[in-house]
Amino acid sequence: MSISTEFAELLRAGRPQFNARVAEARHRYRGFNTDVFSLFLQECVDPVIVSIDAANRGAFASSAFDIALDLVGRELTGAHPRGKLLTALWQDTLPTLTPAMADRPSRLISALCNALLNLEALPAARPNQWLELLKKYGSSLTAPDDLLQLGVLAAWRAGAAHFRLPALQAAARLPHIGCTLLDLAPERDVQEQLRLAEQNPWLIARSDKALEVGAFTGLGGQFAEPPEVRATNDGFIVKSSDRCFQLIADGFGAVLLPATLAEFVSAGHAAREGRSPKLSANTLIYANSSIVIPLPADGLQLAWNAYTAALTSPYSFSISIVPLL
């Protein structure tokens, strides 16, 4: 595979500067692999460069070259899962987003690479879905800030539950995209639907099924011991062995973020209007509904807040999350 004529001409014209940057990268990153870097330029940077109009191609090439040096130097490219995702971003997604990146290519490319890597680090997130959503909705955008807002909105849709509030704000800014991407009812006031979703995490992507969160550390999960859970107004605090987590869940997914022991100690049951949920053996009863938890009744524990119940068992390393709809 060879580099396009367009990119080759830019590299030739700026050869002294580009060579100096490679030399600096070899000094900064121990074991910097120039062969891997050349391959990334051919396979990943070149498709972006050829998709850009000639007037902006030089600025894009300079920014992309520097970002590629950093990615290769940090060993983020290659055949491993992160490398494959970055390849998909550069080859398939970034070329569709160039109208919105013309003014600030370095900032936008860096932000999208970092967002993708952060999503990949979340066990239950769906980074491939994020890439598809960016490609589907981003090609119509021309403002850099709108593209960043779409990135937040798509990240929530792809399982980053802790982005719900900023994502709803992004949807309000991009109502036409937000309405479609979140499957809102177009005949109803979109802004009102978004406002209500700020309060209720299950209003969008409603589900009446239990969601299993977490797993044993020996199987790649987060919990060394069966977890304990306490509720807060906007989620739960989880303790397993000497580690604590903040658990945030909604219809698009669930995430476990670092928390402190003090946060766990201060948590309890958050306020809920109407009757509180309760357990009858291994059946959770709430409002006019019930759901059987497939765990022994012995030792089953329940925590809840206004919209969600969480159940744990001494016989399980996962947490059952149930929407209280």
Protein backbone atom coordinates (compact mmCIF):
# COMPACT_ATOMS: atom_id res chain seq x y z
CA MET A 1 0.00 0.00 0.00
CA SER A 2 1.40 3.42 -0.94
CA ILE A 3 0.67 6.93 0.22
CA SER A 4 -1.54 9.06 -2.01
CA THR A 5 -0.02 11.69 -4.30
CA GLU A 6 -1.65 14.44 -2.25
CA PHE A 7 -0.12 13.32 1.04
CA ALA A 8 3.23 12.46 -0.52
CA GLU A 9 3.56 15.98 -1.92
CA LEU A 10 2.89 17.51 1.51
CA LEU A 11 5.44 15.23 3.19
CA ARG A 12 8.01 16.05 0.51
CA ALA A 13 7.46 19.79 0.84
CA GLY A 14 7.83 19.69 4.63
CA ARG A 15 10.48 16.96 4.80
CA PRO A 16 12.98 18.82 7.07
CA GLN A 17 10.29 19.72 9.62
CA PHE A 18 8.65 16.29 9.54
CA ASN A 19 12.01 14.51 9.89
CA ALA A 20 12.83 16.71 12.89
CA ARG A 21 9.55 15.76 14.53
CA VAL A 22 10.25 12.06 14.03
CA ALA A 23 13.72 12.49 15.55
CA GLU A 24 12.18 14.25 18.54
CA ALA A 25 9.64 11.43 18.95
CA ARG A 26 12.40 8.81 18.87
CA HIS A 27 14.11 10.72 21.68
CA ARG A 28 10.90 11.18 23.69
CA TYR A 29 9.45 7.67 23.34
CA ARG A 30 11.75 4.80 24.17
CA GLY A 31 11.55 2.14 21.47
CA PHE A 32 9.68 4.36 19.00
CA ASN A 33 9.01 2.16 15.95
CA THR A 34 9.43 4.06 12.69
CA ASP A 35 8.08 1.13 10.65
CA VAL A 36 4.84 1.14 12.67
CA PHE A 37 4.66 4.90 12.26
CA SER A 38 5.08 4.70 8.48
CA LEU A 39 2.37 2.05 8.29
CA PHE A 40 0.00 4.22 10.36
CA LEU A 41 0.62 7.15 8.02
CA GLN A 42 -0.23 4.97 5.03
CA GLU A 43 -3.24 3.13 6.41
CA CYS A 44 -4.82 5.67 8.76
CA VAL A 45 -3.62 9.24 8.19
CA ASP A 46 -3.69 9.15 4.39
CA PRO A 47 -7.46 8.41 4.12
CA VAL A 48 -8.14 11.56 6.16
CA ILE A 49 -5.79 13.73 4.12
CA VAL A 50 -7.27 12.78 0.74
CA SER A 51 -10.79 13.54 2.02
CA ILE A 52 -9.93 17.18 2.75
CA ASP A 53 -10.14 20.07 0.33
CA ALA A 54 -6.80 21.36 -0.93
CA ALA A 55 -7.03 24.65 0.96
CA ASN A 56 -7.06 22.90 4.36
CA ARG A 57 -4.95 19.86 3.54
CA GLY A 58 -1.64 21.25 4.76
CA ALA A 59 -2.93 22.16 8.24
CA PHE A 60 -4.61 18.77 8.55
CA ALA A 61 -1.46 16.94 7.52
CA SER A 62 0.67 18.78 10.06
CA SER A 63 -1.79 18.16 12.91
CA ALA A 64 -2.40 14.53 11.96
CA PHE A 65 1.34 13.85 11.68
CA ASP A 66 1.97 15.06 15.24
CA ILE A 67 -0.99 13.12 16.67
CA ALA A 68 0.17 9.99 14.85
CA LEU A 69 3.63 10.37 16.41
CA ASP A 70 2.05 10.47 19.85
CA LEU A 71 -0.24 7.49 19.27
CA VAL A 72 2.58 5.33 17.90
CA GLY A 73 4.97 6.48 20.61
CA ARG A 74 2.49 5.45 23.30
CA GLU A 75 2.02 2.10 21.53
CA LEU A 76 -1.70 2.68 21.08
CA THR A 77 -1.74 1.61 17.43
CA GLY A 78 -1.50 -1.93 16.13
CA ALA A 79 -3.47 -5.18 16.13
CA HIS A 80 -4.67 -5.01 19.76
CA PRO A 81 -8.26 -3.88 20.52
CA ARG A 82 -7.36 -0.24 21.05
CA GLY A 83 -5.30 -0.17 17.89
CA LYS A 84 -8.13 -1.67 15.84
CA LEU A 85 -10.54 0.94 17.16
CA LEU A 86 -8.16 3.77 16.34
CA THR A 87 -7.70 2.33 12.85
CA ALA A 88 -11.48 2.32 12.37
CA LEU A 89 -11.68 5.93 13.60
CA TRP A 90 -9.02 7.17 11.19
CA GLN A 91 -9.95 5.06 8.18
CA ASP A 92 -13.73 5.14 8.29
CA THR A 93 -15.00 7.87 10.62
CA LEU A 94 -12.67 10.88 10.48
CA PRO A 95 -12.93 11.24 6.67
CA THR A 96 -16.68 11.81 7.07
CA LEU A 97 -16.17 14.53 9.70
CA THR A 98 -13.72 16.85 7.94
CA PRO A 99 -16.21 19.71 7.30
CA ALA A 100 -16.48 20.29 11.07
CA MET A 101 -12.74 19.89 11.66
CA ALA A 102 -11.42 22.41 9.13
CA ASP A 103 -10.85 25.24 11.62
CA ARG A 104 -9.36 23.20 14.48
CA PRO A 105 -8.04 19.87 13.21
CA SER A 106 -5.54 19.27 16.02
CA ARG A 107 -8.06 19.86 18.78
CA LEU A 108 -10.81 17.81 17.15
CA ILE A 109 -8.69 14.81 16.14
CA SER A 110 -7.07 14.68 19.58
CA ALA A 111 -10.43 14.96 21.34
CA LEU A 112 -11.97 12.17 19.27
CA CYS A 113 -8.98 9.86 19.76
CA ASN A 114 -9.04 10.45 23.52
CA ALA A 115 -12.80 9.95 23.70
CA LEU A 116 -12.53 6.64 21.85
CA LEU A 117 -9.74 5.39 24.12
CA ASN A 118 -11.71 6.39 27.23
CA LEU A 119 -14.79 4.55 25.94
CA GLU A 120 -12.72 1.47 25.21
CA ALA A 121 -11.56 1.50 28.84
CA LEU A 122 -15.14 1.27 30.12
CA PRO A 123 -15.96 -2.47 30.34
CA ALA A 124 -19.62 -2.18 29.32
CA ALA A 125 -19.32 0.65 26.78
CA ARG A 126 -19.73 0.08 23.05
CA PRO A 127 -17.01 2.07 21.24
CA ASN A 128 -17.88 0.60 17.83
CA GLN A 129 -21.40 1.95 18.21
CA TRP A 130 -19.93 5.35 19.08
CA LEU A 131 -17.94 5.32 15.85
CA GLU A 132 -21.02 4.41 13.82
CA LEU A 133 -23.07 7.19 15.41
CA LEU A 134 -20.36 9.76 14.72
CA LYS A 135 -20.20 8.66 11.10
CA LYS A 136 -23.97 8.63 10.70
CA TYR A 137 -24.73 12.03 12.23
CA GLY A 138 -21.44 13.93 12.07
CA SER A 139 -21.13 14.32 8.32
CA SER A 140 -23.84 17.00 8.30
CA LEU A 141 -22.08 19.16 10.92
CA THR A 142 -19.83 22.09 10.08
CA ALA A 143 -19.18 23.65 13.52
CA PRO A 144 -16.36 22.15 15.65
CA ASP A 145 -18.28 22.61 18.89
CA ASP A 146 -21.29 20.81 17.44
CA LEU A 147 -19.07 17.84 16.60
CA LEU A 148 -17.79 17.75 20.17
CA GLN A 149 -21.38 17.88 21.44
CA LEU A 150 -22.28 14.98 19.16
CA GLY A 151 -19.34 13.04 20.59
CA VAL A 152 -20.76 13.42 24.11
CA LEU A 153 -24.27 12.52 22.99
CA ALA A 154 -23.06 9.46 21.09
CA ALA A 155 -20.91 8.35 24.04
CA TRP A 156 -23.96 8.29 26.30
CA ARG A 157 -25.90 6.35 23.67
CA ALA A 158 -22.99 3.91 23.49
CA GLY A 159 -23.07 3.06 27.19
CA ALA A 160 -21.28 5.87 29.05
CA ALA A 161 -24.09 6.38 31.55
CA HIS A 162 -22.19 9.06 33.51
CA PHE A 163 -22.51 11.34 30.46
CA ARG A 164 -26.31 11.47 30.69
CA LEU A 165 -26.66 15.08 31.88
CA PRO A 166 -24.09 16.64 29.51
CA ALA A 167 -25.48 14.45 26.71
CA LEU A 168 -28.99 15.75 27.32
CA GLN A 169 -27.62 19.28 27.12
CA ALA A 170 -25.93 18.33 23.85
CA ALA A 171 -29.23 16.94 22.54
CA ALA A 172 -30.93 20.24 23.40
CA ARG A 173 -28.29 22.06 21.36
CA LEU A 174 -28.66 19.62 18.45
CA PRO A 175 -32.40 18.87 18.65
CA HIS A 176 -32.79 17.30 15.20
CA ILE A 177 -29.96 14.86 15.81
CA GLY A 178 -30.90 14.36 19.45
CA CYS A 179 -34.50 13.51 18.65
CA THR A 180 -33.50 10.79 16.19
CA LEU A 181 -30.48 9.43 18.03
CA LEU A 182 -32.40 9.11 21.32
CA ASP A 183 -35.65 7.87 19.74
CA LEU A 184 -37.67 10.73 21.20
CA ALA A 185 -41.32 11.21 20.29
CA PRO A 186 -41.27 13.89 17.54
CA GLU A 187 -44.92 14.81 18.14
CA ARG A 188 -44.10 15.89 21.70
CA ASP A 189 -42.01 18.84 22.89
CA VAL A 190 -38.41 17.63 22.51
CA GLN A 191 -37.01 20.07 25.08
CA GLU A 192 -39.59 18.95 27.65
CA GLN A 193 -38.70 15.30 27.06
CA LEU A 194 -35.03 16.14 27.61
CA ARG A 195 -35.82 18.07 30.79
CA LEU A 196 -37.78 15.15 32.24
CA ALA A 197 -34.97 12.75 31.31
CA GLU A 198 -32.59 14.78 33.49
CA GLN A 199 -34.59 13.62 36.49
CA ASN A 200 -35.42 10.03 35.48
CA PRO A 201 -32.52 7.97 34.04
CA TRP A 202 -34.95 5.42 32.57
CA LEU A 203 -37.27 7.82 30.75
CA ILE A 204 -35.23 7.36 27.57
CA ALA A 205 -34.43 3.77 26.54
CA ARG A 206 -36.95 2.36 28.99
CA SER A 207 -36.41 -1.19 30.18
CA ASP A 208 -38.27 -3.52 32.52
CA LYS A 209 -35.41 -6.02 32.70
CA ALA A 210 -32.71 -6.34 35.33
CA LEU A 211 -29.24 -5.22 34.29
CA GLU A 212 -26.23 -7.16 35.60
CA VAL A 213 -23.22 -5.00 36.50
CA GLY A 214 -19.73 -6.08 37.55
CA ALA A 215 -17.88 -9.37 37.80
CA PHE A 216 -15.17 -11.21 39.73
CA THR A 217 -11.67 -9.76 39.34
CA GLY A 218 -10.38 -13.23 38.47
CA LEU A 219 -12.57 -13.11 35.35
CA GLY A 220 -11.59 -9.58 34.38
CA GLY A 221 -14.19 -7.81 36.53
CA GLN A 222 -13.93 -5.19 39.25
CA PHE A 223 -14.98 -7.06 42.40
CA ALA A 224 -12.60 -9.17 44.52
CA GLU A 225 -15.46 -9.98 46.92
CA PRO A 226 -19.27 -9.99 46.54
CA PRO A 227 -20.14 -6.29 46.53
CA GLU A 228 -22.14 -4.25 49.01
CA VAL A 229 -24.28 -1.39 47.67
CA ARG A 230 -25.69 1.81 49.15
CA ALA A 231 -27.84 4.35 47.33
CA THR A 232 -27.38 8.03 46.53
CA ASN A 233 -29.77 10.39 44.79
CA ASP A 234 -28.16 9.86 41.39
CA GLY A 235 -26.78 6.32 41.64
CA PHE A 236 -25.09 3.96 44.07
CA ILE A 237 -21.84 3.58 45.97
CA VAL A 238 -20.36 0.09 45.88
CA LYS A 239 -17.81 -1.50 48.19
CA SER A 240 -15.90 -4.69 47.41
CA SER A 241 -12.95 -5.62 49.62
CA ASP A 242 -10.92 -2.41 50.01
CA ARG A 243 -12.19 -0.73 46.82
CA CYS A 244 -15.19 1.55 46.36
CA PHE A 245 -17.00 2.58 43.19
CA GLN A 246 -19.74 4.92 42.06
CA LEU A 247 -22.32 3.00 40.03
CA ILE A 248 -24.36 4.96 37.48
CA ALA A 249 -26.91 3.15 35.33
CA ASP A 250 -29.64 3.96 32.83
CA GLY A 251 -31.28 2.46 29.78
CA PHE A 252 -28.12 2.79 27.68
CA GLY A 253 -25.73 1.08 30.08
CA ALA A 254 -23.91 1.19 33.40
CA VAL A 255 -20.47 2.36 34.52
CA LEU A 256 -18.37 1.88 37.64
CA LEU A 257 -16.22 4.89 38.55
CA PRO A 258 -13.75 5.30 41.43
CA ALA A 259 -15.25 6.36 44.78
CA THR A 260 -14.07 6.63 48.40
CA LEU A 261 -14.88 4.72 51.56
CA ALA A 262 -16.27 7.95 53.05
CA GLU A 263 -18.80 8.15 50.22
CA PHE A 264 -19.87 4.57 50.87
CA VAL A 265 -20.24 5.14 54.62
CA SER A 266 -22.39 8.26 54.11
CA ALA A 267 -24.72 6.65 51.54
CA GLY A 268 -27.99 4.86 52.33
CA HIS A 269 -31.45 4.80 50.77
CA ALA A 270 -32.33 7.89 48.74
CA ALA A 271 -35.77 9.45 48.77
CA ARG A 272 -38.50 7.89 46.64
CA GLU A 273 -42.09 9.02 46.16
CA GLY A 274 -44.75 6.42 46.86
CA ARG A 275 -44.15 2.96 48.27
CA SER A 276 -40.58 1.80 48.70
CA PRO A 277 -39.54 -1.40 46.93
CA LYS A 278 -39.31 -4.52 49.06
CA LEU A 279 -38.14 -8.11 48.86
CA SER A 280 -40.29 -11.19 49.29
CA ALA A 281 -37.83 -14.09 49.22
CA ASN A 282 -36.00 -13.48 45.94
CA THR A 283 -38.79 -11.43 44.34
CA LEU A 284 -38.50 -7.64 44.13
CA ILE A 285 -41.89 -5.94 44.54
CA TYR A 286 -42.36 -2.31 43.55
CA ALA A 287 -45.39 -0.21 42.58
CA ASN A 288 -47.64 -2.62 40.63
CA SER A 289 -44.79 -4.78 39.37
CA SER A 290 -42.49 -7.54 40.50
CA ILE A 291 -39.42 -9.28 39.18
CA VAL A 292 -37.75 -12.51 40.26
CA ILE A 293 -34.04 -12.17 40.93
CA PRO A 294 -32.27 -15.40 39.91
CA LEU A 295 -30.32 -15.65 43.17
CA PRO A 296 -30.92 -17.40 46.51
CA ALA A 297 -33.16 -15.43 48.89
CA ASP A 298 -30.66 -16.02 51.70
CA GLY A 299 -28.56 -12.89 52.19
CA LEU A 300 -30.12 -10.96 49.30
CA GLN A 301 -29.74 -7.21 49.95
CA LEU A 302 -31.69 -4.30 48.48
CA ALA A 303 -30.78 -0.62 48.05
CA TRP A 304 -32.79 1.94 46.12
CA ASN A 305 -33.22 5.54 45.11
CA ALA A 306 -36.05 7.36 43.39
CA TYR A 307 -35.84 5.48 40.10
CA THR A 308 -33.60 2.43 40.52
CA ALA A 309 -33.13 -0.60 42.79
CA ALA A 310 -29.86 -2.48 43.24
CA LEU A 311 -29.64 -6.02 44.61
CA THR A 312 -26.59 -7.89 45.83
CA SER A 313 -25.98 -11.37 47.15
CA PRO A 314 -23.14 -13.04 49.09
CA TYR A 315 -23.29 -15.71 46.34
CA SER A 316 -22.67 -13.36 43.42
CA PHE A 317 -19.99 -10.95 42.23
CA SER A 318 -22.45 -8.92 40.14
CA ILE A 319 -25.09 -6.33 41.00
CA SER A 320 -28.66 -6.61 39.68
CA ILE A 321 -30.00 -3.20 38.63
CA VAL A 322 -33.77 -2.88 38.26
CA PRO A 323 -35.55 0.23 36.88
CA LEU A 324 -38.42 1.25 39.17
CA LEU A 325 -40.79 2.30 36.40
